[in-house]
Amino acid sequence: MQTIQMVIDEDLLTEADRAARQAGLNRSALLREALRGYLKRLDVRDKERRDREGYERYPDTEPELTGWEKVAVWPED
């Protein structure tokens, strides 16, 4: 692991320390976990964007969709 320095405002630091205590983590572990979560969300957002762009470029055609209607099971209300 690498040691880093960061600048953070006092209120955010207080909230982070409180959250770390509640989670049973130290400050560094909380920030690592938060950064991992943020990076994961960015990755998911990027994959969703690429999927959306792909479907916009190559939309499903009617024959591709009708085959699934025969095997689809819809929940009853």
Protein backbone atom coordinates (compact mmCIF):
# COMPACT_ATOMS: atom_id res chain seq x y z
CA MET A 1 0.00 0.00 0.00
CA GLN A 2 0.96 3.59 -0.59
CA THR A 3 0.62 6.43 1.85
CA ILE A 4 -0.98 9.57 0.44
CA GLN A 5 -1.90 13.01 1.70
CA MET A 6 -5.17 14.68 0.93
CA VAL A 7 -6.83 17.95 1.76
CA ILE A 8 -10.35 17.68 3.16
CA ASP A 9 -12.56 20.25 4.82
CA GLU A 10 -13.17 19.96 8.55
CA ASP A 11 -16.90 19.15 8.33
CA LEU A 12 -16.35 16.34 5.86
CA LEU A 13 -13.54 14.93 7.99
CA THR A 14 -15.79 14.97 11.05
CA GLU A 15 -18.52 13.12 9.15
CA ALA A 16 -16.01 10.62 7.78
CA ASP A 17 -14.62 9.91 11.24
CA ARG A 18 -18.13 9.44 12.61
CA ALA A 19 -19.01 7.05 9.77
CA ALA A 20 -15.76 5.13 10.27
CA ARG A 21 -16.50 4.65 13.98
CA GLN A 22 -20.03 3.48 13.23
CA ALA A 23 -18.73 1.00 10.66
CA GLY A 24 -15.94 -0.21 12.95
CA LEU A 25 -13.28 0.97 10.50
CA ASN A 26 -10.38 3.32 10.74
CA ARG A 27 -10.35 6.44 8.59
CA SER A 28 -8.09 4.95 5.93
CA ALA A 29 -10.22 1.82 5.57
CA LEU A 30 -13.37 3.95 5.24
CA LEU A 31 -11.80 6.10 2.53
CA ARG A 32 -10.49 3.04 0.65
CA GLU A 33 -13.96 1.47 0.76
CA ALA A 34 -15.60 4.71 -0.36
CA LEU A 35 -13.15 5.08 -3.25
CA ARG A 36 -13.70 1.47 -4.34
CA GLY A 37 -17.46 2.06 -4.33
CA TYR A 38 -17.09 5.26 -6.33
CA LEU A 39 -14.85 3.60 -8.92
CA LYS A 40 -17.28 0.67 -9.20
CA ARG A 41 -20.17 3.08 -9.83
CA LEU A 42 -18.12 4.82 -12.53
CA ASP A 43 -17.43 1.46 -14.17
CA VAL A 44 -21.10 0.46 -14.11
CA ARG A 45 -22.12 3.88 -15.48
CA ASP A 46 -19.58 3.51 -18.31
CA LYS A 47 -20.81 0.01 -19.17
CA GLU A 48 -24.43 1.21 -19.17
CA ARG A 49 -23.47 4.10 -21.45
CA ARG A 50 -21.70 1.76 -23.88
CA ASP A 51 -24.69 -0.62 -23.88
CA ARG A 52 -27.07 2.26 -24.53
CA GLU A 53 -24.91 3.55 -27.38
CA GLY A 54 -24.67 0.06 -28.85
CA TYR A 55 -28.44 -0.42 -28.79
CA GLU A 56 -28.90 3.01 -30.35
CA ARG A 57 -26.48 2.12 -33.16
CA TYR A 58 -27.85 -1.40 -33.62
CA PRO A 59 -31.43 -1.50 -32.30
CA ASP A 60 -33.23 -4.81 -31.93
CA THR A 61 -35.31 -5.75 -34.93
CA GLU A 62 -38.86 -7.01 -34.74
CA PRO A 63 -37.97 -10.64 -35.69
CA GLU A 64 -35.39 -10.74 -32.88
CA LEU A 65 -37.99 -9.65 -30.35
CA THR A 66 -40.94 -11.80 -31.40
CA GLY A 67 -39.15 -15.07 -30.71
CA TRP A 68 -38.88 -14.25 -27.02
CA GLU A 69 -42.59 -13.60 -26.62
CA LYS A 70 -43.26 -17.33 -26.93
CA VAL A 71 -41.01 -18.22 -23.98
CA ALA A 72 -41.52 -15.19 -21.78
CA VAL A 73 -43.34 -15.81 -18.52
CA TRP A 74 -45.03 -12.76 -17.07
CA PRO A 75 -46.01 -12.62 -13.40
CA GLU A 76 -49.69 -12.50 -12.70
CA ASP A 77 -51.08 -9.38 -11.03
